[in-house]
């Protein structure tokens, strides 16, 4: 599945360098490995709880959450 992930220029350079050393054209495989390691290290109860929340918001709640996420991302990008 394709998705967009925002990373810093420094992270991009570092990932590209590691991928190049591995003989890979891009760093998708590195990102997949990092996500797998992160999920493996999470408390399994937490993962189950988060997955169980899918579909629990109604449309107004979803819009509110999305709005807050975008505001937080904008603040983070500005810093």
Protein backbone atom coordinates (compact mmCIF):
# COMPACT_ATOMS: atom_id res chain seq x y z
CA UNK A 1 0.00 0.00 0.00
CA UNK A 2 1.25 3.46 -0.82
CA UNK A 3 1.10 6.29 1.68
CA UNK A 4 2.75 9.63 2.28
CA UNK A 5 5.08 10.04 5.25
CA UNK A 6 6.71 13.35 6.05
CA UNK A 7 10.35 13.16 7.08
CA UNK A 8 13.09 15.73 7.47
CA UNK A 9 15.74 16.35 4.83
CA UNK A 10 18.31 14.84 7.18
CA UNK A 11 16.23 11.67 7.62
CA UNK A 12 15.78 11.44 3.85
CA UNK A 13 19.53 11.71 3.26
CA UNK A 14 20.30 9.12 5.94
CA UNK A 15 17.71 6.64 4.66
CA UNK A 16 18.87 7.11 1.08
CA UNK A 17 22.48 6.46 2.12
CA UNK A 18 21.55 3.25 3.96
CA UNK A 19 19.44 2.06 1.03
CA UNK A 20 22.26 2.80 -1.39
CA UNK A 21 24.72 0.81 0.74
CA UNK A 22 22.26 -2.10 0.61
CA UNK A 23 21.99 -1.78 -3.16
CA UNK A 24 18.36 -0.63 -3.03
CA UNK A 25 17.00 2.16 -5.21
CA UNK A 26 14.62 3.59 -2.61
CA UNK A 27 14.11 3.22 1.09
CA UNK A 28 10.63 1.69 1.23
CA UNK A 29 12.06 -1.58 2.54
CA UNK A 30 13.85 0.29 5.32
CA UNK A 31 10.63 2.03 6.35
CA UNK A 32 8.76 -1.28 6.33
CA UNK A 33 11.45 -2.84 8.54
CA UNK A 34 11.29 0.11 10.95
CA UNK A 35 7.50 -0.13 11.19
CA UNK A 36 7.66 -3.87 11.81
CA UNK A 37 10.24 -3.36 14.58
CA UNK A 38 8.14 -0.60 16.14
CA UNK A 39 4.96 -2.68 16.09
CA UNK A 40 6.81 -5.71 17.46
CA UNK A 41 8.03 -3.62 20.40
CA UNK A 42 4.59 -2.21 21.23
CA UNK A 43 2.57 -3.66 24.05
CA UNK A 44 0.23 -6.12 22.29
CA UNK A 45 -2.69 -4.95 24.45
CA UNK A 46 -2.12 -1.42 23.15
CA UNK A 47 -2.13 -2.57 19.52
CA UNK A 48 -5.35 -4.52 20.05
CA UNK A 49 -6.95 -1.54 21.72
CA UNK A 50 -5.98 0.77 18.87
CA UNK A 51 -7.15 -1.65 16.18
CA UNK A 52 -10.41 -2.10 18.06
CA UNK A 53 -11.12 1.63 17.76
CA UNK A 54 -11.51 1.43 13.97
CA UNK A 55 -14.89 2.80 12.92
CA UNK A 56 -15.89 4.08 16.36
CA UNK A 57 -16.12 7.77 15.46
CA UNK A 58 -19.11 9.32 13.77
CA UNK A 59 -18.52 11.83 10.94
CA UNK A 60 -18.46 15.02 13.07
CA UNK A 61 -16.03 13.38 15.52
CA UNK A 62 -13.86 12.22 12.64
CA UNK A 63 -13.74 15.75 11.16
CA UNK A 64 -12.77 17.15 14.58
CA UNK A 65 -9.98 14.60 15.06
CA UNK A 66 -8.67 15.17 11.53
CA UNK A 67 -8.74 18.93 12.10
CA UNK A 68 -6.75 18.61 15.32
CA UNK A 69 -4.22 16.29 13.67
CA UNK A 70 -3.70 18.71 10.80
CA UNK A 71 -3.29 21.62 13.25
CA UNK A 72 -0.71 19.63 15.21
CA UNK A 73 1.15 18.72 12.02
CA UNK A 74 1.18 22.37 10.91
CA UNK A 75 2.58 23.40 14.27
CA UNK A 76 5.21 20.67 14.11
CA UNK A 77 6.24 21.61 10.55
CA UNK A 78 6.58 25.27 11.54
CA UNK A 79 9.05 24.47 14.31
